[in-house]
């Protein structure tokens, strides 16, 4: 009976609890951002500069939102009408735009290592970003369908924006709640620890990384700030050398979407497309990590 009670306590009040993280994220993070994006969506069609510059400038706007939070940027893609352009921006946001948690860990990494080590990481980041962006552009070319520009409304309909944002949050809430319950149960019964045991040999043999890196990557998939904090903690204890830190950070930069972003991804995209994007980002991160670790392994 005590075990059942502690399980329900963890489900409701744990790190991913239904009464802790879920409402805080939905109503203190996602709801205000959706209101901001709704207001922007009404103002955008009346800005002459954006009308003239077209979708390339608008692409940078969504990328700028992604620098703050990938989840918020994915939510903003509701304002993109063209399916191909929406898929293009999903790939760019998931793979190429580091969120605030990733930017924080990159800044901390720069403070921990020498300038030469950081420049090596920067080289790999720029190189693989260019390669991945070229691949994305090849499959999803840039066109004029990025943002709804046809609106003829002249006034700001604030009440309609708030109502639309609230409806969007309510539509997202069931998926978030279900995901929170699944993750909480997995953490309570030690499923994550078992996953670490299963994937540790992959880290050690395939990527030449210590076993401690496995838990770091799993935490990063769940929540990027968890992964960032763990990396700083392990780096402070000397768990990784400079080359291993470059490999790990490069993989984290091109990592899969976190838990919140994954929920939105599966809500917005069709199931096969969402699975393809998630697995594709995972394979891209793994391939980048293998390329970097192999480079260091070859040069000794």
Protein backbone atom coordinates (compact mmCIF):
# COMPACT_ATOMS: atom_id res chain seq x y z
CA UNK A 1 0.00 0.00 0.00
CA UNK A 2 2.86 2.32 0.83
CA UNK A 3 4.43 1.58 -2.57
CA UNK A 4 1.20 2.51 -4.37
CA UNK A 5 0.95 5.70 -2.33
CA UNK A 6 4.54 6.69 -3.08
CA UNK A 7 4.02 5.89 -6.79
CA UNK A 8 0.98 8.19 -7.01
CA UNK A 9 2.85 10.85 -5.05
CA UNK A 10 5.67 10.66 -7.58
CA UNK A 11 3.24 10.74 -10.52
CA UNK A 12 1.55 13.88 -9.20
CA UNK A 13 4.45 15.69 -7.49
CA UNK A 14 7.66 14.26 -9.00
CA UNK A 15 10.07 15.89 -11.44
CA UNK A 16 7.58 15.28 -14.29
CA UNK A 17 4.48 15.37 -12.05
CA UNK A 18 0.96 16.14 -13.19
CA UNK A 19 0.71 18.91 -10.56
CA UNK A 20 4.28 20.19 -10.80
CA UNK A 21 5.93 20.34 -14.21
CA UNK A 22 2.85 19.87 -16.43
CA UNK A 23 0.67 22.82 -15.32
CA UNK A 24 3.72 25.02 -14.80
CA UNK A 25 4.88 24.42 -18.34
CA UNK A 26 1.45 24.61 -19.97
CA UNK A 27 0.22 27.80 -18.32
CA UNK A 28 3.39 29.65 -17.30
CA UNK A 29 5.48 28.94 -20.40
CA UNK A 30 3.43 27.72 -23.35
CA UNK A 31 0.30 29.86 -22.80
CA UNK A 32 2.11 33.26 -22.68
CA UNK A 33 4.24 32.30 -25.66
CA UNK A 34 1.18 31.31 -27.68
CA UNK A 35 -0.40 34.69 -26.88
CA UNK A 36 2.75 36.48 -28.03
CA UNK A 37 2.86 34.44 -31.23
CA UNK A 38 -0.84 35.03 -31.84
CA UNK A 39 -0.34 38.80 -31.55
CA UNK A 40 2.69 38.58 -33.82
CA UNK A 41 0.68 36.52 -36.30
CA UNK A 42 -1.87 39.35 -36.58
CA UNK A 43 0.80 42.05 -36.88
CA UNK A 44 3.08 40.19 -39.31
CA UNK A 45 0.90 40.56 -42.45
CA UNK A 46 0.99 44.36 -42.08
CA UNK A 47 4.79 44.78 -41.85
CA UNK A 48 6.03 45.96 -45.29
CA UNK A 49 9.61 44.86 -44.65
CA UNK A 50 8.60 41.24 -44.07
CA UNK A 51 6.31 41.34 -47.08
CA UNK A 52 9.24 42.29 -49.29
CA UNK A 53 11.89 40.01 -47.84
CA UNK A 54 9.70 36.92 -47.98
CA UNK A 55 10.10 33.57 -46.25
CA UNK A 56 13.86 33.69 -45.71
CA UNK A 57 13.52 36.46 -43.11
CA UNK A 58 10.54 34.74 -41.51
CA UNK A 59 12.65 31.59 -41.21
CA UNK A 60 15.04 33.55 -39.00
CA UNK A 61 12.15 34.65 -36.81
CA UNK A 62 11.20 31.07 -36.01
CA UNK A 63 14.86 30.26 -35.46
CA UNK A 64 15.09 33.16 -33.02
CA UNK A 65 12.12 31.78 -31.08
CA UNK A 66 13.87 28.41 -31.03
CA UNK A 67 16.92 29.93 -29.35
CA UNK A 68 14.70 30.51 -26.34
CA UNK A 69 12.77 27.24 -26.40
CA UNK A 70 12.44 24.60 -29.10
CA UNK A 71 8.99 23.65 -27.79
CA UNK A 72 7.72 27.21 -28.12
CA UNK A 73 9.15 27.45 -31.61
CA UNK A 74 7.44 24.21 -32.62
CA UNK A 75 4.17 25.57 -31.23
CA UNK A 76 4.60 28.70 -33.37
CA UNK A 77 4.68 26.58 -36.52
CA UNK A 78 0.86 26.51 -36.40
CA UNK A 79 1.12 29.83 -38.28
CA UNK A 80 2.87 28.17 -41.23
CA UNK A 81 0.34 27.06 -43.82
CA UNK A 82 2.56 25.07 -46.19
CA UNK A 83 3.21 21.48 -45.07
CA UNK A 84 6.62 21.26 -46.77
CA UNK A 85 7.80 24.49 -45.14
CA UNK A 86 6.50 23.36 -41.77
CA UNK A 87 8.48 20.12 -42.08
CA UNK A 88 11.53 22.13 -43.11
CA UNK A 89 11.28 24.32 -40.02
CA UNK A 90 10.70 21.30 -37.76
CA UNK A 91 13.98 19.77 -38.94
CA UNK A 92 15.82 23.09 -38.56
CA UNK A 93 14.47 23.68 -35.05
CA UNK A 94 15.11 20.12 -33.88
CA UNK A 95 18.60 19.72 -35.34
CA UNK A 96 20.20 23.11 -35.89
CA UNK A 97 18.83 25.66 -33.39
CA UNK A 98 20.23 25.21 -29.85
CA UNK A 99 17.71 26.19 -27.17
CA UNK A 100 18.53 28.31 -24.11
CA UNK A 101 19.58 25.24 -22.08
CA UNK A 102 22.00 24.20 -24.80
CA UNK A 103 23.34 27.75 -25.13
CA UNK A 104 23.97 27.81 -21.38
CA UNK A 105 25.94 24.57 -21.49
CA UNK A 106 27.92 25.78 -24.52
CA UNK A 107 28.85 28.95 -22.63
CA UNK A 108 29.84 26.90 -19.57
CA UNK A 109 31.87 24.57 -21.78
CA UNK A 110 33.72 27.58 -23.19
CA UNK A 111 34.61 28.63 -19.65
CA UNK A 112 35.79 25.12 -18.68
CA UNK A 113 38.15 24.39 -21.57
CA UNK A 114 40.97 26.13 -23.39
CA UNK A 115 40.33 28.36 -26.38
CA UNK A 116 41.80 25.76 -28.75
CA UNK A 117 39.41 23.06 -27.54
CA UNK A 118 36.42 25.38 -27.85
CA UNK A 119 37.44 26.42 -31.37
CA UNK A 120 37.61 22.74 -32.36
CA UNK A 121 34.04 22.29 -31.10
CA UNK A 122 32.97 25.44 -32.93
CA UNK A 123 34.48 24.11 -36.15
CA UNK A 124 32.55 20.83 -35.84
CA UNK A 125 29.34 22.69 -35.00
CA UNK A 126 29.59 24.99 -38.04
CA UNK A 127 30.64 22.15 -40.37
CA UNK A 128 27.86 19.74 -39.41
CA UNK A 129 25.30 22.57 -39.30
CA UNK A 130 26.16 23.42 -42.90
CA UNK A 131 25.95 19.77 -43.96
CA UNK A 132 22.60 19.18 -42.25
CA UNK A 133 21.14 22.48 -43.49
CA UNK A 134 22.11 21.55 -47.06
CA UNK A 135 20.37 18.19 -46.70
CA UNK A 136 17.24 19.81 -45.25
CA UNK A 137 17.18 22.40 -48.06
CA UNK A 138 17.52 19.65 -50.64
CA UNK A 139 14.47 17.75 -49.40
CA UNK A 140 12.43 20.79 -48.29
CA UNK A 141 13.27 23.76 -50.56
CA UNK A 142 12.45 27.28 -49.41
CA UNK A 143 9.28 28.71 -50.90
CA UNK A 144 6.72 31.43 -50.30
CA UNK A 145 4.35 29.44 -48.14
CA UNK A 146 5.90 30.01 -44.75
CA UNK A 147 3.59 32.51 -43.05
CA UNK A 148 0.00 33.50 -43.60
CA UNK A 149 0.26 36.88 -45.27
CA UNK A 150 -3.17 37.15 -46.79
CA UNK A 151 -5.01 38.57 -43.77
CA UNK A 152 -6.92 41.78 -44.41
CA UNK A 153 -7.70 42.49 -40.74
CA UNK A 154 -6.51 45.88 -39.55
CA UNK A 155 -7.30 45.71 -35.83
CA UNK A 156 -5.69 43.61 -33.13
CA UNK A 157 -8.20 41.06 -31.85
CA UNK A 158 -6.66 40.39 -28.43
CA UNK A 159 -9.57 38.39 -27.06
CA UNK A 160 -9.50 36.07 -30.08
CA UNK A 161 -5.75 35.60 -29.59
CA UNK A 162 -6.17 34.66 -25.91
CA UNK A 163 -9.03 32.30 -26.70
CA UNK A 164 -7.03 30.62 -29.47
CA UNK A 165 -3.98 30.28 -27.20
CA UNK A 166 -6.06 28.79 -24.39
CA UNK A 167 -7.70 26.33 -26.79
CA UNK A 168 -4.28 25.29 -28.10
CA UNK A 169 -3.02 24.68 -24.55
CA UNK A 170 -6.10 22.60 -23.72
CA UNK A 171 -5.62 20.51 -26.87
CA UNK A 172 -1.98 19.92 -25.91
CA UNK A 173 -2.67 19.14 -22.23
CA UNK A 174 -3.83 15.49 -22.63
CA UNK A 175 -0.68 14.54 -24.51
CA UNK A 176 1.49 16.26 -21.91
CA UNK A 177 -0.35 14.54 -19.07
CA UNK A 178 -0.03 11.12 -20.68
CA UNK A 179 3.66 11.66 -21.36
CA UNK A 180 4.24 12.87 -17.79
CA UNK A 181 2.61 9.75 -16.35
CA UNK A 182 4.66 7.41 -18.58
CA UNK A 183 7.95 9.15 -17.76
CA UNK A 184 7.17 9.29 -14.02
CA UNK A 185 6.35 5.56 -13.90
CA UNK A 186 9.51 4.74 -15.85
CA UNK A 187 11.63 6.79 -13.46
CA UNK A 188 9.93 5.32 -10.38
CA UNK A 189 10.53 1.70 -11.40
CA UNK A 190 14.12 2.31 -12.50
CA UNK A 191 13.53 1.81 -16.22
CA UNK A 192 15.95 4.64 -16.98
CA UNK A 193 18.68 2.95 -14.95
CA UNK A 194 18.15 -0.25 -16.95
CA UNK A 195 18.37 1.71 -20.19
CA UNK A 196 21.68 3.13 -19.02
CA UNK A 197 22.95 -0.41 -18.46
CA UNK A 198 21.80 -1.49 -21.92
CA UNK A 199 23.28 1.44 -23.86
CA UNK A 200 26.52 1.89 -21.90
CA UNK A 201 28.41 -0.61 -24.14
CA UNK A 202 27.31 1.41 -27.17
CA UNK A 203 28.85 4.52 -25.68
CA UNK A 204 32.07 2.77 -24.74
CA UNK A 205 32.68 0.74 -27.93
CA UNK A 206 30.97 2.73 -30.67
CA UNK A 207 31.64 6.30 -29.48
CA UNK A 208 34.66 5.73 -27.20
CA UNK A 209 32.92 7.53 -24.34
CA UNK A 210 32.74 6.59 -20.64
CA UNK A 211 29.63 4.81 -19.36
CA UNK A 212 28.63 7.98 -17.46
CA UNK A 213 27.75 9.60 -20.79
CA UNK A 214 24.77 7.22 -21.23
CA UNK A 215 22.77 8.67 -18.34
CA UNK A 216 23.62 12.16 -19.55
CA UNK A 217 22.12 11.54 -23.00
CA UNK A 218 18.99 9.90 -21.61
CA UNK A 219 18.42 12.85 -19.26
CA UNK A 220 18.98 15.23 -22.18
CA UNK A 221 16.23 13.47 -24.16
CA UNK A 222 13.83 13.92 -21.23
CA UNK A 223 14.73 17.51 -20.42
CA UNK A 224 17.62 19.49 -21.82
CA UNK A 225 18.39 21.37 -18.61
CA UNK A 226 18.71 17.99 -16.81
CA UNK A 227 21.29 16.92 -19.38
CA UNK A 228 23.08 20.26 -19.20
CA UNK A 229 23.31 20.18 -15.41
CA UNK A 230 24.54 16.57 -15.47
CA UNK A 231 27.23 17.40 -18.01
CA UNK A 232 28.51 20.26 -15.87
CA UNK A 233 28.50 18.06 -12.78
CA UNK A 234 30.39 15.22 -14.48
CA UNK A 235 32.83 17.61 -16.15
CA UNK A 236 33.55 19.23 -12.79
CA UNK A 237 34.46 15.79 -11.41
CA UNK A 238 36.85 15.15 -14.31
CA UNK A 239 34.79 12.33 -15.84
CA UNK A 240 35.66 13.40 -19.42
CA UNK A 241 38.77 14.72 -21.12
CA UNK A 242 38.70 17.60 -23.58
CA UNK A 243 38.17 15.46 -26.70
CA UNK A 244 35.36 13.49 -25.04
CA UNK A 245 33.73 16.76 -23.99
CA UNK A 246 33.80 17.96 -27.61
CA UNK A 247 32.17 14.71 -28.79
CA UNK A 248 29.49 14.83 -26.10
CA UNK A 249 28.68 18.50 -26.58
CA UNK A 250 28.50 18.13 -30.36
CA UNK A 251 26.04 15.25 -29.96
CA UNK A 252 23.97 17.22 -27.45
CA UNK A 253 23.86 20.18 -29.84
CA UNK A 254 22.39 17.99 -32.59
CA UNK A 255 20.30 15.93 -30.20
CA UNK A 256 16.73 14.69 -30.42
CA UNK A 257 13.91 16.97 -29.19
CA UNK A 258 13.33 16.95 -25.44
CA UNK A 259 10.21 15.49 -23.81
CA UNK A 260 8.09 18.64 -24.17
CA UNK A 261 9.12 19.17 -27.79
CA UNK A 262 8.49 15.51 -28.60
CA UNK A 263 4.92 15.77 -27.28
CA UNK A 264 4.25 18.78 -29.52
CA UNK A 265 5.97 17.10 -32.45
CA UNK A 266 3.65 14.09 -32.25
CA UNK A 267 0.61 16.33 -31.79
CA UNK A 268 1.37 18.49 -34.82
CA UNK A 269 2.72 15.91 -37.27
CA UNK A 270 1.22 12.71 -38.57
CA UNK A 271 2.47 9.70 -36.60
CA UNK A 272 4.76 8.31 -39.36
CA UNK A 273 6.23 11.79 -40.00
CA UNK A 274 6.79 12.43 -36.28
CA UNK A 275 8.47 9.04 -35.82
CA UNK A 276 10.63 9.66 -38.89
CA UNK A 277 11.72 13.09 -37.63
CA UNK A 278 12.50 11.79 -34.12
CA UNK A 279 14.44 8.76 -35.36
CA UNK A 280 16.13 10.87 -38.02
CA UNK A 281 17.35 13.38 -35.44
CA UNK A 282 18.55 10.50 -33.24
CA UNK A 283 20.52 8.95 -36.11
CA UNK A 284 21.90 12.36 -37.10
CA UNK A 285 23.12 12.95 -33.53
CA UNK A 286 24.63 9.46 -33.38
CA UNK A 287 26.32 9.90 -36.78
CA UNK A 288 27.77 13.26 -35.81
CA UNK A 289 29.08 11.81 -32.54
CA UNK A 290 30.63 8.84 -34.36
CA UNK A 291 32.30 11.11 -36.92
CA UNK A 292 33.80 13.36 -34.23
CA UNK A 293 34.92 10.49 -31.99
CA UNK A 294 36.42 8.63 -34.96
CA UNK A 295 38.36 11.73 -35.94
CA UNK A 296 39.87 12.00 -32.48
CA UNK A 297 40.46 8.24 -32.32
CA UNK A 298 42.36 8.28 -35.63
CA UNK A 299 44.60 11.19 -34.67
CA UNK A 300 45.21 9.55 -31.29
